[in-house]
């Protein structure tokens, strides 16, 4: 298995708390991503909570990417999209 494939598998299997439960990132739907974006956006305020805004935006971008690719789940997205979005979603650590 190549390093890139292992990396994508690690991203897809990463547990994400969404909809009241921990689920593998790869199993999330576009609707799940939209709800998560809305939940995060509702938490944005001033001070430290303002840092949540870019993460909420990234979750919205994920839902749009899934819609554009007609992907039923995150696992249906291209590796390049996953590699770009995962750190911005905090599914994997940035940097």
N, C-alpha and C. Protein backbone atom coordinates (compact mmCIF):
# COMPACT_ATOMS: atom_id res chain seq x y z
N UNK A 1 0.85 -1.18 0.00
CA UNK A 1 0.00 0.00 0.00
C UNK A 1 0.89 1.24 0.00
N UNK A 2 0.60 2.19 -0.84
CA UNK A 2 1.42 3.39 -0.92
C UNK A 2 1.17 4.29 0.28
N UNK A 3 2.13 5.20 0.50
CA UNK A 3 2.01 6.14 1.62
C UNK A 3 0.77 7.02 1.48
N UNK A 4 0.50 7.47 0.24
CA UNK A 4 -0.65 8.34 0.01
C UNK A 4 -1.95 7.60 0.32
N UNK A 5 -2.04 6.34 -0.11
CA UNK A 5 -3.24 5.54 0.14
C UNK A 5 -3.43 5.33 1.64
N UNK A 6 -2.34 5.05 2.35
CA UNK A 6 -2.43 4.89 3.80
C UNK A 6 -2.91 6.19 4.43
N UNK A 7 -2.41 7.32 3.93
CA UNK A 7 -2.80 8.61 4.46
C UNK A 7 -4.30 8.85 4.26
N UNK A 8 -4.81 8.55 3.07
CA UNK A 8 -6.24 8.72 2.80
C UNK A 8 -7.05 7.80 3.69
N UNK A 9 -6.60 6.56 3.86
CA UNK A 9 -7.30 5.62 4.73
C UNK A 9 -7.32 6.13 6.17
N UNK A 10 -6.22 6.73 6.61
CA UNK A 10 -6.16 7.28 7.97
C UNK A 10 -7.16 8.44 8.12
N UNK A 11 -7.26 9.27 7.10
CA UNK A 11 -8.21 10.38 7.14
C UNK A 11 -9.64 9.84 7.20
N UNK A 12 -9.96 8.89 6.33
CA UNK A 12 -11.32 8.36 6.25
C UNK A 12 -11.73 7.61 7.52
N UNK A 13 -10.78 6.97 8.19
CA UNK A 13 -11.13 6.20 9.39
C UNK A 13 -11.10 7.04 10.67
N UNK A 14 -10.63 8.28 10.58
CA UNK A 14 -10.53 9.15 11.76
C UNK A 14 -11.93 9.36 12.37
N UNK A 15 -12.10 9.08 13.67
CA UNK A 15 -13.40 9.33 14.29
C UNK A 15 -13.69 10.83 14.41
N UNK A 16 -14.93 11.19 14.09
CA UNK A 16 -15.38 12.57 14.17
C UNK A 16 -16.68 12.58 14.96
N UNK A 17 -16.79 13.49 15.94
CA UNK A 17 -18.03 13.61 16.70
C UNK A 17 -19.01 14.44 15.88
N UNK A 18 -20.04 13.81 15.40
CA UNK A 18 -21.02 14.46 14.54
C UNK A 18 -22.37 13.81 14.75
N UNK A 19 -23.39 14.61 14.95
CA UNK A 19 -24.72 14.06 15.15
C UNK A 19 -24.88 13.31 16.45
N UNK A 20 -24.11 13.70 17.45
CA UNK A 20 -24.24 13.09 18.77
C UNK A 20 -23.46 11.82 18.98
N UNK A 21 -22.62 11.43 18.01
CA UNK A 21 -21.84 10.19 18.14
C UNK A 21 -20.53 10.31 17.40
N UNK A 22 -19.55 9.51 17.81
CA UNK A 22 -18.30 9.41 17.07
C UNK A 22 -18.52 8.47 15.90
N UNK A 23 -18.17 8.95 14.71
CA UNK A 23 -18.33 8.17 13.49
C UNK A 23 -17.08 8.32 12.64
N UNK A 24 -16.77 7.32 11.82
CA UNK A 24 -15.63 7.47 10.92
C UNK A 24 -15.90 8.62 9.95
N UNK A 25 -14.91 9.47 9.74
CA UNK A 25 -15.05 10.62 8.85
C UNK A 25 -15.56 10.20 7.48
N UNK A 26 -15.06 9.11 6.95
CA UNK A 26 -15.44 8.64 5.63
C UNK A 26 -16.90 8.27 5.47
N UNK A 27 -17.61 8.05 6.59
CA UNK A 27 -19.02 7.65 6.52
C UNK A 27 -19.99 8.83 6.53
N UNK A 28 -19.47 10.05 6.74
CA UNK A 28 -20.35 11.21 6.83
C UNK A 28 -20.93 11.58 5.46
N UNK A 29 -22.18 12.05 5.48
CA UNK A 29 -22.86 12.50 4.26
C UNK A 29 -22.74 14.02 4.15
N UNK A 30 -23.17 14.55 3.02
CA UNK A 30 -23.18 16.00 2.83
C UNK A 30 -24.12 16.66 3.83
N UNK A 31 -25.25 16.02 4.13
CA UNK A 31 -26.16 16.56 5.13
C UNK A 31 -25.51 16.60 6.51
N UNK A 32 -24.76 15.56 6.85
CA UNK A 32 -24.02 15.55 8.11
C UNK A 32 -23.05 16.73 8.16
N UNK A 33 -22.33 16.96 7.07
CA UNK A 33 -21.35 18.06 7.01
C UNK A 33 -22.05 19.41 7.15
N UNK A 34 -23.20 19.57 6.50
CA UNK A 34 -23.95 20.84 6.62
C UNK A 34 -24.42 21.07 8.06
N UNK A 35 -24.96 20.02 8.68
CA UNK A 35 -25.41 20.16 10.08
C UNK A 35 -24.25 20.50 11.00
N UNK A 36 -23.11 19.84 10.77
CA UNK A 36 -21.93 20.11 11.60
C UNK A 36 -21.46 21.55 11.41
N UNK A 37 -21.46 22.02 10.16
CA UNK A 37 -21.09 23.41 9.88
C UNK A 37 -22.03 24.36 10.60
N UNK A 38 -23.32 24.08 10.56
CA UNK A 38 -24.30 24.93 11.23
C UNK A 38 -24.09 24.93 12.75
N UNK A 39 -23.82 23.75 13.32
CA UNK A 39 -23.57 23.66 14.76
C UNK A 39 -22.33 24.47 15.15
N UNK A 40 -21.27 24.35 14.36
CA UNK A 40 -20.05 25.11 14.65
C UNK A 40 -20.28 26.60 14.48
N UNK A 41 -21.00 26.97 13.43
CA UNK A 41 -21.27 28.39 13.18
C UNK A 41 -22.06 29.00 14.34
N UNK A 42 -22.95 28.23 14.92
CA UNK A 42 -23.75 28.72 16.05
C UNK A 42 -22.88 28.97 17.29
N UNK A 43 -21.73 28.30 17.36
CA UNK A 43 -20.84 28.47 18.51
C UNK A 43 -19.90 29.66 18.36
N UNK A 44 -19.84 30.25 17.17
CA UNK A 44 -18.92 31.35 16.91
C UNK A 44 -19.41 32.61 17.63
N UNK A 45 -18.49 33.24 18.30
CA UNK A 45 -18.79 34.49 18.99
C UNK A 45 -17.58 35.40 18.89
N UNK A 46 -17.26 36.06 19.97
CA UNK A 46 -16.10 36.94 19.99
C UNK A 46 -15.01 36.25 20.81
N UNK A 47 -13.83 36.80 20.78
CA UNK A 47 -12.71 36.24 21.54
C UNK A 47 -12.30 34.89 21.00
N UNK A 48 -12.01 33.95 21.91
CA UNK A 48 -11.51 32.64 21.48
C UNK A 48 -12.47 31.86 20.57
N UNK A 49 -13.76 32.04 20.75
CA UNK A 49 -14.71 31.28 19.93
C UNK A 49 -14.74 31.75 18.48
N UNK A 50 -14.18 32.92 18.20
CA UNK A 50 -14.10 33.39 16.82
C UNK A 50 -13.22 32.48 15.98
N UNK A 51 -12.34 31.73 16.62
CA UNK A 51 -11.45 30.80 15.90
C UNK A 51 -12.20 29.62 15.31
N UNK A 52 -13.44 29.43 15.70
CA UNK A 52 -14.24 28.33 15.19
C UNK A 52 -14.78 28.65 13.79
N UNK A 53 -14.89 29.92 13.44
CA UNK A 53 -15.48 30.32 12.16
C UNK A 53 -14.80 29.68 10.95
N UNK A 54 -13.47 29.66 10.84
CA UNK A 54 -12.86 29.03 9.67
C UNK A 54 -13.12 27.52 9.60
N UNK A 55 -13.25 26.89 10.75
CA UNK A 55 -13.53 25.45 10.77
C UNK A 55 -14.96 25.21 10.29
N UNK A 56 -15.89 26.04 10.74
CA UNK A 56 -17.28 25.94 10.27
C UNK A 56 -17.35 26.15 8.77
N UNK A 57 -16.59 27.12 8.26
CA UNK A 57 -16.57 27.37 6.82
C UNK A 57 -16.01 26.17 6.05
N UNK A 58 -14.99 25.54 6.59
CA UNK A 58 -14.41 24.37 5.94
C UNK A 58 -15.41 23.22 5.87
N UNK A 59 -16.23 23.06 6.92
CA UNK A 59 -17.26 22.02 6.89
C UNK A 59 -18.31 22.34 5.84
N UNK A 60 -18.62 23.59 5.67
CA UNK A 60 -19.56 23.99 4.61
C UNK A 60 -18.94 23.69 3.24
N UNK A 61 -17.65 23.99 3.07
CA UNK A 61 -16.95 23.69 1.82
C UNK A 61 -16.95 22.19 1.55
N UNK A 62 -16.81 21.39 2.60
CA UNK A 62 -16.87 19.93 2.44
C UNK A 62 -18.22 19.52 1.87
N UNK A 63 -19.30 20.06 2.41
CA UNK A 63 -20.63 19.69 1.91
C UNK A 63 -20.80 20.10 0.45
N UNK A 64 -20.28 21.26 0.08
CA UNK A 64 -20.36 21.72 -1.31
C UNK A 64 -19.53 20.84 -2.23
N UNK A 65 -18.35 20.43 -1.78
CA UNK A 65 -17.50 19.54 -2.58
C UNK A 65 -18.17 18.20 -2.79
N UNK A 66 -18.85 17.71 -1.76
CA UNK A 66 -19.56 16.44 -1.88
C UNK A 66 -20.72 16.57 -2.86
N UNK A 67 -21.43 17.68 -2.79
CA UNK A 67 -22.53 17.91 -3.73
C UNK A 67 -22.01 17.97 -5.16
N UNK A 68 -20.92 18.71 -5.37
CA UNK A 68 -20.35 18.87 -6.71
C UNK A 68 -19.86 17.54 -7.28
N UNK A 69 -19.33 16.67 -6.41
CA UNK A 69 -18.80 15.38 -6.85
C UNK A 69 -19.88 14.29 -6.84
N UNK A 70 -21.08 14.64 -6.40
CA UNK A 70 -22.17 13.67 -6.24
C UNK A 70 -21.71 12.49 -5.37
N UNK A 71 -20.96 12.81 -4.32
CA UNK A 71 -20.45 11.80 -3.40
C UNK A 71 -21.47 11.51 -2.31
N UNK A 72 -21.85 10.26 -2.15
CA UNK A 72 -22.81 9.87 -1.12
C UNK A 72 -22.23 10.05 0.28
N UNK A 73 -20.93 9.80 0.39
CA UNK A 73 -20.23 9.97 1.67
C UNK A 73 -18.88 10.63 1.40
N UNK A 74 -18.22 11.03 2.46
CA UNK A 74 -16.89 11.63 2.35
C UNK A 74 -15.94 10.68 1.62
N UNK A 75 -16.10 9.39 1.82
CA UNK A 75 -15.23 8.40 1.18
C UNK A 75 -15.27 8.48 -0.34
N UNK A 76 -16.30 9.09 -0.91
CA UNK A 76 -16.42 9.22 -2.35
C UNK A 76 -15.66 10.40 -2.94
N UNK A 77 -15.00 11.18 -2.11
CA UNK A 77 -14.24 12.34 -2.60
C UNK A 77 -12.85 11.93 -3.05
N UNK A 78 -12.28 12.72 -3.92
CA UNK A 78 -10.92 12.48 -4.41
C UNK A 78 -9.91 12.68 -3.28
N UNK A 79 -8.81 11.96 -3.37
CA UNK A 79 -7.75 12.03 -2.36
C UNK A 79 -7.24 13.45 -2.19
N UNK A 80 -7.12 14.21 -3.29
CA UNK A 80 -6.62 15.58 -3.20
C UNK A 80 -7.54 16.47 -2.39
N UNK A 81 -8.84 16.28 -2.57
CA UNK A 81 -9.83 17.07 -1.82
C UNK A 81 -9.73 16.74 -0.34
N UNK A 82 -9.64 15.44 -0.03
CA UNK A 82 -9.53 15.01 1.36
C UNK A 82 -8.27 15.55 2.02
N UNK A 83 -7.16 15.47 1.30
CA UNK A 83 -5.89 15.95 1.86
C UNK A 83 -5.91 17.45 2.11
N UNK A 84 -6.60 18.19 1.26
CA UNK A 84 -6.70 19.64 1.42
C UNK A 84 -7.63 20.01 2.57
N UNK A 85 -8.78 19.37 2.65
CA UNK A 85 -9.78 19.77 3.63
C UNK A 85 -9.56 19.22 5.04
N UNK A 86 -9.01 18.02 5.17
CA UNK A 86 -8.91 17.37 6.48
C UNK A 86 -8.26 18.25 7.55
N UNK A 87 -7.13 18.91 7.28
CA UNK A 87 -6.55 19.76 8.33
C UNK A 87 -7.41 20.98 8.64
N UNK A 88 -8.08 21.53 7.64
CA UNK A 88 -8.93 22.70 7.85
C UNK A 88 -10.19 22.34 8.63
N UNK A 89 -10.60 21.07 8.56
CA UNK A 89 -11.76 20.58 9.30
C UNK A 89 -11.37 20.15 10.71
N UNK A 90 -10.10 20.08 10.98
CA UNK A 90 -9.52 19.54 12.21
C UNK A 90 -9.83 18.05 12.35
N UNK A 91 -9.98 17.37 11.20
CA UNK A 91 -10.08 15.92 11.19
C UNK A 91 -8.68 15.35 11.41
N UNK A 92 -7.70 16.00 10.80
CA UNK A 92 -6.30 15.74 11.09
C UNK A 92 -5.70 17.05 11.58
N UNK A 93 -4.60 16.95 12.28
CA UNK A 93 -4.00 18.17 12.81
C UNK A 93 -3.39 19.01 11.69
N UNK A 94 -3.62 20.31 11.73
CA UNK A 94 -3.00 21.18 10.73
C UNK A 94 -1.48 21.16 10.86
N UNK A 95 -0.83 21.37 9.72
CA UNK A 95 0.63 21.49 9.72
C UNK A 95 1.31 20.23 9.80
